PDB file of N, CA and C in Angstrom:
ATOM      1  N   MET A   1     -10.258 -70.318 -34.898  1.00  0.00           N
ATOM      2  CA  MET A   1     -11.012 -69.792 -33.787  1.00  0.00           C
ATOM      3  C   MET A   1     -10.996 -70.764 -32.613  1.00  0.00           C
ATOM      4  N   SER A   2     -10.384 -71.899 -32.738  1.00  0.00           N
ATOM      5  CA  SER A   2     -10.388 -72.877 -31.656  1.00  0.00           C
ATOM      6  C   SER A   2      -9.693 -72.342 -30.403  1.00  0.00           C
ATOM      7  N   GLU A   3      -8.660 -71.501 -30.558  1.00  0.00           N
ATOM      8  CA  GLU A   3      -7.978 -70.961 -29.384  1.00  0.00           C
ATOM      9  C   GLU A   3      -8.922 -70.062 -28.591  1.00  0.00           C
ATOM     10  N   ILE A   4      -9.743 -69.296 -29.283  1.00  0.00           N
ATOM     11  CA  ILE A   4     -10.689 -68.409 -28.616  1.00  0.00           C
ATOM     12  C   ILE A   4     -11.713 -69.235 -27.844  1.00  0.00           C
ATOM     13  N   ARG A   5     -12.164 -70.337 -28.421  1.00  0.00           N
ATOM     14  CA  ARG A   5     -13.171 -71.184 -27.777  1.00  0.00           C
ATOM     15  C   ARG A   5     -12.646 -71.831 -26.494  1.00  0.00           C
ATOM     16  N   GLU A   6     -11.341 -71.875 -26.328  1.00  0.00           N
ATOM     17  CA  GLU A   6     -10.753 -72.491 -25.150  1.00  0.00           C
ATOM     18  C   GLU A   6     -10.553 -71.507 -23.997  1.00  0.00           C
ATOM     19  N   LEU A   7     -10.858 -70.232 -24.198  1.00  0.00           N
ATOM     20  CA  LEU A   7     -10.697 -69.236 -23.146  1.00  0.00           C
ATOM     21  C   LEU A   7     -11.735 -69.455 -22.045  1.00  0.00           C
ATOM     22  N   ASP A   8     -11.379 -69.053 -20.839  1.00  0.00           N
ATOM     23  CA  ASP A   8     -12.272 -69.216 -19.689  1.00  0.00           C
ATOM     24  C   ASP A   8     -13.218 -68.042 -19.485  1.00  0.00           C
ATOM     25  N   ASP A   9     -13.060 -66.982 -20.255  1.00  0.00           N
ATOM     26  CA  ASP A   9     -13.888 -65.788 -20.080  1.00  0.00           C
ATOM     27  C   ASP A   9     -15.335 -66.091 -20.477  1.00  0.00           C
ATOM     28  N   PRO A  10     -16.277 -66.001 -19.525  1.00  0.00           N
ATOM     29  CA  PRO A  10     -17.669 -66.329 -19.841  1.00  0.00           C
ATOM     30  C   PRO A  10     -18.295 -65.374 -20.861  1.00  0.00           C
ATOM     31  N   VAL A  11     -17.838 -64.134 -20.913  1.00  0.00           N
ATOM     32  CA  VAL A  11     -18.378 -63.172 -21.880  1.00  0.00           C
ATOM     33  C   VAL A  11     -17.995 -63.603 -23.297  1.00  0.00           C
ATOM     34  N   ILE A  12     -16.751 -63.994 -23.483  1.00  0.00           N
ATOM     35  CA  ILE A  12     -16.306 -64.439 -24.810  1.00  0.00           C
ATOM     36  C   ILE A  12     -17.011 -65.731 -25.193  1.00  0.00           C
ATOM     37  N   ARG A  13     -17.134 -66.658 -24.261  1.00  0.00           N
ATOM     38  CA  ARG A  13     -17.839 -67.917 -24.563  1.00  0.00           C
ATOM     39  C   ARG A  13     -19.286 -67.639 -24.949  1.00  0.00           C
ATOM     40  N   GLY A  14     -19.919 -66.698 -24.233  1.00  0.00           N
ATOM     41  CA  GLY A  14     -21.296 -66.331 -24.562  1.00  0.00           C
ATOM     42  C   GLY A  14     -21.406 -65.668 -25.924  1.00  0.00           C
ATOM     43  N   ALA A  15     -20.436 -64.824 -26.242  1.00  0.00           N
ATOM     44  CA  ALA A  15     -20.441 -64.152 -27.543  1.00  0.00           C
ATOM     45  C   ALA A  15     -20.258 -65.159 -28.670  1.00  0.00           C
ATOM     46  N   LEU A  16     -19.377 -66.132 -28.481  1.00  0.00           N
ATOM     47  CA  LEU A  16     -19.162 -67.153 -29.508  1.00  0.00           C
ATOM     48  C   LEU A  16     -20.406 -68.011 -29.691  1.00  0.00           C
ATOM     49  N   ALA A  17     -21.077 -68.332 -28.601  1.00  0.00           N
ATOM     50  CA  ALA A  17     -22.321 -69.099 -28.698  1.00  0.00           C
ATOM     51  C   ALA A  17     -23.371 -68.294 -29.467  1.00  0.00           C
ATOM     52  N   ALA A  18     -23.438 -66.995 -29.219  1.00  0.00           N
ATOM     53  CA  ALA A  18     -24.393 -66.142 -29.932  1.00  0.00           C
ATOM     54  C   ALA A  18     -24.065 -66.085 -31.426  1.00  0.00           C
ATOM     55  N   LEU A  19     -22.782 -66.015 -31.763  1.00  0.00           N
ATOM     56  CA  LEU A  19     -22.381 -66.026 -33.178  1.00  0.00           C
ATOM     57  C   LEU A  19     -22.758 -67.343 -33.850  1.00  0.00           C
ATOM     58  N   ASP A  20     -22.578 -68.452 -33.135  1.00  0.00           N
ATOM     59  CA  ASP A  20     -22.967 -69.752 -33.680  1.00  0.00           C
ATOM     60  C   ASP A  20     -24.471 -69.805 -33.940  1.00  0.00           C
ATOM     61  N   ARG A  21     -25.260 -69.302 -32.986  1.00  0.00           N
ATOM     62  CA  ARG A  21     -26.715 -69.293 -33.173  1.00  0.00           C
ATOM     63  C   ARG A  21     -27.108 -68.397 -34.342  1.00  0.00           C
ATOM     64  N   ALA A  22     -26.426 -67.269 -34.488  1.00  0.00           N
ATOM     65  CA  ALA A  22     -26.709 -66.356 -35.597  1.00  0.00           C
ATOM     66  C   ALA A  22     -26.375 -67.004 -36.938  1.00  0.00           C
ATOM     67  N   ALA A  23     -25.289 -67.766 -36.980  1.00  0.00           N
ATOM     68  CA  ALA A  23     -24.918 -68.472 -38.213  1.00  0.00           C
ATOM     69  C   ALA A  23     -25.984 -69.499 -38.575  1.00  0.00           C
ATOM     70  N   GLU A  24     -26.469 -70.233 -37.589  1.00  0.00           N
ATOM     71  CA  GLU A  24     -27.533 -71.214 -37.836  1.00  0.00           C
ATOM     72  C   GLU A  24     -28.792 -70.518 -38.345  1.00  0.00           C
ATOM     73  N   GLU A  25     -29.133 -69.398 -37.733  1.00  0.00           N
ATOM     74  CA  GLU A  25     -30.326 -68.665 -38.146  1.00  0.00           C
ATOM     75  C   GLU A  25     -30.171 -68.128 -39.571  1.00  0.00           C
ATOM     76  N   ALA A  26     -28.990 -67.626 -39.918  1.00  0.00           N
ATOM     77  CA  ALA A  26     -28.745 -67.142 -41.278  1.00  0.00           C
ATOM     78  C   ALA A  26     -28.898 -68.275 -42.286  1.00  0.00           C
ATOM     79  N   ARG A  27     -28.375 -69.464 -41.949  1.00  0.00           N
ATOM     80  CA  ARG A  27     -28.537 -70.622 -42.831  1.00  0.00           C
ATOM     81  C   ARG A  27     -30.009 -70.973 -42.998  1.00  0.00           C
ATOM     82  N   ARG A  28     -30.736 -71.007 -41.887  1.00  0.00           N
ATOM     83  CA  ARG A  28     -32.148 -71.379 -41.928  1.00  0.00           C
ATOM     84  C   ARG A  28     -32.937 -70.413 -42.807  1.00  0.00           C
ATOM     85  N   ILE A  29     -32.693 -69.130 -42.634  1.00  0.00           N
ATOM     86  CA  ILE A  29     -33.412 -68.124 -43.412  1.00  0.00           C
ATOM     87  C   ILE A  29     -33.050 -68.222 -44.894  1.00  0.00           C
ATOM     88  N   ALA A  30     -31.782 -68.426 -45.201  1.00  0.00           N
ATOM     89  CA  ALA A  30     -31.360 -68.546 -46.601  1.00  0.00           C
ATOM     90  C   ALA A  30     -32.032 -69.742 -47.271  1.00  0.00           C
ATOM     91  N   ILE A  31     -32.109 -70.867 -46.569  1.00  0.00           N
ATOM     92  CA  ILE A  31     -32.771 -72.045 -47.129  1.00  0.00           C
ATOM     93  C   ILE A  31     -34.261 -71.778 -47.291  1.00  0.00           C
ATOM     94  N   GLN A  32     -34.869 -71.204 -46.269  1.00  0.00           N
ATOM     95  CA  GLN A  32     -36.315 -70.944 -46.282  1.00  0.00           C
ATOM     96  C   GLN A  32     -36.707 -69.986 -47.401  1.00  0.00           C
ATOM     97  N   THR A  33     -35.877 -68.988 -47.670  1.00  0.00           N
ATOM     98  CA  THR A  33     -36.206 -67.979 -48.676  1.00  0.00           C
ATOM     99  C   THR A  33     -35.603 -68.284 -50.039  1.00  0.00           C
ATOM    100  N   GLY A  34     -34.797 -69.358 -50.126  1.00  0.00           N
ATOM    101  CA  GLY A  34     -34.208 -69.731 -51.410  1.00  0.00           C
ATOM    102  C   GLY A  34     -33.135 -68.765 -51.886  1.00  0.00           C
ATOM    103  N   THR A  35     -32.422 -68.161 -50.940  1.00  0.00           N
ATOM    104  CA  THR A  35     -31.381 -67.206 -51.311  1.00  0.00           C
ATOM    105  C   THR A  35     -29.998 -67.764 -50.989  1.00  0.00           C
ATOM    106  N   GLU A  36     -29.007 -67.215 -51.660  1.00  0.00           N
ATOM    107  CA  GLU A  36     -27.630 -67.644 -51.415  1.00  0.00           C
ATOM    108  C   GLU A  36     -27.108 -67.027 -50.127  1.00  0.00           C
ATOM    109  N   LEU A  37     -26.122 -67.688 -49.556  1.00  0.00           N
ATOM    110  CA  LEU A  37     -25.456 -67.201 -48.353  1.00  0.00           C
ATOM    111  C   LEU A  37     -24.029 -66.842 -48.757  1.00  0.00           C
ATOM    112  N   ILE A  38     -23.610 -65.646 -48.445  1.00  0.00           N
ATOM    113  CA  ILE A  38     -22.259 -65.192 -48.772  1.00  0.00           C
ATOM    114  C   ILE A  38     -21.375 -65.460 -47.567  1.00  0.00           C
ATOM    115  N   ILE A  39     -20.266 -66.171 -47.806  1.00  0.00           N
ATOM    116  CA  ILE A  39     -19.346 -66.527 -46.719  1.00  0.00           C
ATOM    117  C   ILE A  39     -17.905 -66.291 -47.147  1.00  0.00           C
ATOM    118  N   MET A  40     -17.017 -66.334 -46.169  1.00  0.00           N
ATOM    119  CA  MET A  40     -15.581 -66.291 -46.435  1.00  0.00           C
ATOM    120  C   MET A  40     -15.064 -67.707 -46.208  1.00  0.00           C
ATOM    121  N   ARG A  41     -14.453 -68.287 -47.227  1.00  0.00           N
ATOM    122  CA  ARG A  41     -13.911 -69.646 -47.136  1.00  0.00           C
ATOM    123  C   ARG A  41     -12.489 -69.632 -47.680  1.00  0.00           C
ATOM    124  N   ASN A  42     -11.549 -70.012 -46.824  1.00  0.00           N
ATOM    125  CA  ASN A  42     -10.133 -70.036 -47.208  1.00  0.00           C
ATOM    126  C   ASN A  42      -9.662 -68.696 -47.760  1.00  0.00           C
ATOM    127  N   GLY A  43     -10.127 -67.610 -47.140  1.00  0.00           N
ATOM    128  CA  GLY A  43      -9.709 -66.282 -47.544  1.00  0.00           C
ATOM    129  C   GLY A  43     -10.402 -65.751 -48.782  1.00  0.00           C
ATOM    130  N   GLU A  44     -11.348 -66.496 -49.336  1.00  0.00           N
ATOM    131  CA  GLU A  44     -12.071 -66.090 -50.539  1.00  0.00           C
ATOM    132  C   GLU A  44     -13.545 -65.863 -50.203  1.00  0.00           C
ATOM    133  N   ILE A  45     -14.137 -64.851 -50.790  1.00  0.00           N
ATOM    134  CA  ILE A  45     -15.567 -64.631 -50.638  1.00  0.00           C
ATOM    135  C   ILE A  45     -16.279 -65.513 -51.653  1.00  0.00           C
ATOM    136  N   CYS A  46     -17.253 -66.288 -51.177  1.00  0.00           N
ATOM    137  CA  CYS A  46     -18.008 -67.146 -52.087  1.00  0.00           C
ATOM    138  C   CYS A  46     -19.457 -67.212 -51.637  1.00  0.00           C
ATOM    139  N   SER A  47     -20.298 -67.717 -52.522  1.00  0.00           N
ATOM    140  CA  SER A  47     -21.719 -67.847 -52.192  1.00  0.00           C
ATOM    141  C   SER A  47     -22.105 -69.316 -52.208  1.00  0.00           C
ATOM    142  N   LEU A  48     -23.035 -69.656 -51.336  1.00  0.00           N
ATOM    143  CA  LEU A  48     -23.543 -71.017 -51.250  1.00  0.00           C
ATOM    144  C   LEU A  48     -25.018 -71.010 -51.603  1.00  0.00           C
ATOM    145  N   SER A  49     -25.420 -71.934 -52.446  1.00  0.00           N
ATOM    146  CA  SER A  49     -26.834 -72.065 -52.796  1.00  0.00           C
ATOM    147  C   SER A  49     -27.574 -72.676 -51.610  1.00  0.00           C
ATOM    148  N   PRO A  50     -28.888 -72.556 -51.579  1.00  0.00           N
ATOM    149  CA  PRO A  50     -29.651 -73.195 -50.505  1.00  0.00           C
ATOM    150  C   PRO A  50     -29.386 -74.702 -50.426  1.00  0.00           C
ATOM    151  N   GLU A  51     -29.199 -75.345 -51.568  1.00  0.00           N
ATOM    152  CA  GLU A  51     -28.902 -76.781 -51.581  1.00  0.00           C
ATOM    153  C   GLU A  51     -27.556 -77.081 -50.923  1.00  0.00           C
ATOM    154  N   GLU A  52     -26.563 -76.232 -51.188  1.00  0.00           N
ATOM    155  CA  GLU A  52     -25.244 -76.413 -50.564  1.00  0.00           C
ATOM    156  C   GLU A  52     -25.317 -76.146 -49.062  1.00  0.00           C
ATOM    157  N   ILE A  53     -26.088 -75.149 -48.680  1.00  0.00           N
ATOM    158  CA  ILE A  53     -26.237 -74.811 -47.261  1.00  0.00           C
ATOM    159  C   ILE A  53     -26.852 -75.988 -46.506  1.00  0.00           C
ATOM    160  N   ALA A  54     -27.870 -76.598 -47.092  1.00  0.00           N
ATOM    161  CA  ALA A  54     -28.575 -77.701 -46.438  1.00  0.00           C
ATOM    162  C   ALA A  54     -27.653 -78.899 -46.190  1.00  0.00           C
ATOM    163  N   LYS A  55     -26.600 -79.036 -46.969  1.00  0.00           N
ATOM    164  CA  LYS A  55     -25.671 -80.163 -46.817  1.00  0.00           C
ATOM    165  C   LYS A  55     -24.610 -79.917 -45.746  1.00  0.00           C
ATOM    166  N   LEU A  56     -24.497 -78.679 -45.271  1.00  0.00           N
ATOM    167  CA  LEU A  56     -23.476 -78.352 -44.276  1.00  0.00           C
ATOM    168  C   LEU A  56     -23.810 -78.974 -42.923  1.00  0.00           C
ATOM    169  N   PRO A  57     -22.789 -79.364 -42.168  1.00  0.00           N
ATOM    170  CA  PRO A  57     -23.062 -79.839 -40.806  1.00  0.00           C
ATOM    171  C   PRO A  57     -23.526 -78.665 -39.951  1.00  0.00           C
ATOM    172  N   PRO A  58     -24.296 -78.941 -38.908  1.00  0.00           N
ATOM    173  CA  PRO A  58     -24.767 -77.838 -38.069  1.00  0.00           C
ATOM    174  C   PRO A  58     -23.618 -77.122 -37.368  1.00  0.00           C
ATOM    175  N   VAL A  59     -23.772 -75.828 -37.199  1.00  0.00           N
ATOM    176  CA  VAL A  59     -22.780 -75.040 -36.457  1.00  0.00           C
ATOM    177  C   VAL A  59     -22.929 -75.346 -34.981  1.00  0.00           C
ATOM    178  N   VAL A  60     -24.168 -75.400 -34.529  1.00  0.00           N
ATOM    179  CA  VAL A  60     -24.489 -75.685 -33.140  1.00  0.00           C
ATOM    180  C   VAL A  60     -24.987 -77.118 -33.093  1.00  0.00           C
ATOM    181  N   GLU A  61     -24.245 -77.988 -32.417  1.00  0.00           N
ATOM    182  CA  GLU A  61     -24.565 -79.417 -32.418  1.00  0.00           C
ATOM    183  C   GLU A  61     -25.951 -79.732 -31.903  1.00  0.00           C
ATOM    184  N   SER A  62     -26.467 -78.941 -30.966  1.00  0.00           N
ATOM    185  CA  SER A  62     -27.765 -79.261 -30.383  1.00  0.00           C
ATOM    186  C   SER A  62     -28.930 -78.677 -31.178  1.00  0.00           C
ATOM    187  N   THR A  63     -28.646 -77.994 -32.287  1.00  0.00           N
ATOM    188  CA  THR A  63     -29.712 -77.400 -33.080  1.00  0.00           C
ATOM    189  C   THR A  63     -30.408 -78.479 -33.891  1.00  0.00           C
ATOM    190  N   PRO A  64     -31.711 -78.701 -33.658  1.00  0.00           N
ATOM    191  CA  PRO A  64     -32.416 -79.727 -34.427  1.00  0.00           C
ATOM    192  C   PRO A  64     -32.628 -79.269 -35.858  1.00  0.00           C
ATOM    193  N   VAL A  65     -32.694 -80.204 -36.771  1.00  0.00           N
ATOM    194  CA  VAL A  65     -32.967 -79.893 -38.162  1.00  0.00           C
ATOM    195  C   VAL A  65     -34.470 -79.739 -38.307  1.00  0.00           C
ATOM    196  N   ALA A  66     -34.885 -78.630 -38.883  1.00  0.00           N
ATOM    197  CA  ALA A  66     -36.316 -78.385 -39.070  1.00  0.00           C
ATOM    198  C   ALA A  66     -36.899 -79.461 -39.980  1.00  0.00           C
ATOM    199  N   PRO A  67     -38.115 -79.929 -39.698  1.00  0.00           N
ATOM    200  CA  PRO A  67     -38.718 -80.987 -40.515  1.00  0.00           C
ATOM    201  C   PRO A  67     -38.710 -80.680 -42.004  1.00  0.00           C
ATOM    202  N   ALA A  68     -38.902 -79.421 -42.379  1.00  0.00           N
ATOM    203  CA  ALA A  68     -38.932 -79.066 -43.801  1.00  0.00           C
ATOM    204  C   ALA A  68     -37.573 -79.243 -44.463  1.00  0.00           C
ATOM    205  N   LEU A  69     -36.491 -79.298 -43.680  1.00  0.00           N
ATOM    206  CA  LEU A  69     -35.152 -79.399 -44.243  1.00  0.00           C
ATOM    207  C   LEU A  69     -34.621 -80.824 -44.248  1.00  0.00           C
ATOM    208  N   ARG A  70     -35.347 -81.743 -43.609  1.00  0.00           N
ATOM    209  CA  ARG A  70     -34.913 -83.130 -43.572  1.00  0.00           C
ATOM    210  C   ARG A  70     -35.192 -83.798 -44.913  1.00  0.00           C
ATOM    211  N   PRO A  71     -34.394 -84.812 -45.279  1.00  0.00           N
ATOM    212  CA  PRO A  71     -34.707 -85.553 -46.497  1.00  0.00           C
ATOM    213  C   PRO A  71     -36.091 -86.169 -46.377  1.00  0.00           C
ATOM    214  N   SER A  72     -36.820 -86.245 -47.492  1.00  0.00           N
ATOM    215  CA  SER A  72     -38.180 -86.789 -47.445  1.00  0.00           C
ATOM    216  C   SER A  72     -38.171 -88.201 -46.884  1.00  0.00           C
ATOM    217  N   GLY A  73     -39.177 -88.488 -46.089  1.00  0.00           N
ATOM    218  CA  GLY A  73     -39.273 -89.793 -45.453  1.00  0.00           C
ATOM    219  C   GLY A  73     -38.670 -89.823 -44.056  1.00  0.00           C
ATOM    220  N   ASP A  74     -37.829 -88.843 -43.708  1.00  0.00           N
ATOM    221  CA  ASP A  74     -37.200 -88.799 -42.378  1.00  0.00           C
ATOM    222  C   ASP A  74     -37.948 -87.792 -41.524  1.00  0.00           C
ATOM    223  N   ARG A  75     -38.947 -88.237 -40.811  1.00  0.00           N
ATOM    224  CA  ARG A  75     -39.758 -87.356 -39.964  1.00  0.00           C
ATOM    225  C   ARG A  75     -39.640 -87.727 -38.493  1.00  0.00           C
ATOM    226  N   SER A  76     -38.564 -88.414 -38.111  1.00  0.00           N
ATOM    227  CA  SER A  76     -38.398 -88.809 -36.706  1.00  0.00           C
ATOM    228  C   SER A  76     -38.035 -87.605 -35.858  1.00  0.00           C
ATOM    229  N   ASP A  77     -38.605 -87.529 -34.668  1.00  0.00           N
ATOM    230  CA  ASP A  77     -38.294 -86.422 -33.741  1.00  0.00           C
ATOM    231  C   ASP A  77     -37.800 -86.974 -32.438  1.00  0.00           C
TER     232      ASP A  77
END
């Protein structure tokens, strides 16, 4: 998807940003509710546990990690 991200069309850039935010929200909800997240990885459908989801890097770099999802003892804001 990197080629798409390099396009100058503001509508496409906005749509990709919205998809990134939706992915972050889906991760947050899955962790919060203790449910698996179904994804496509390397052409295969697989599920990720809430623990696996929490270890993933953020989709949106500026998205802060919710305090409840931080490792215990790390409460810096």
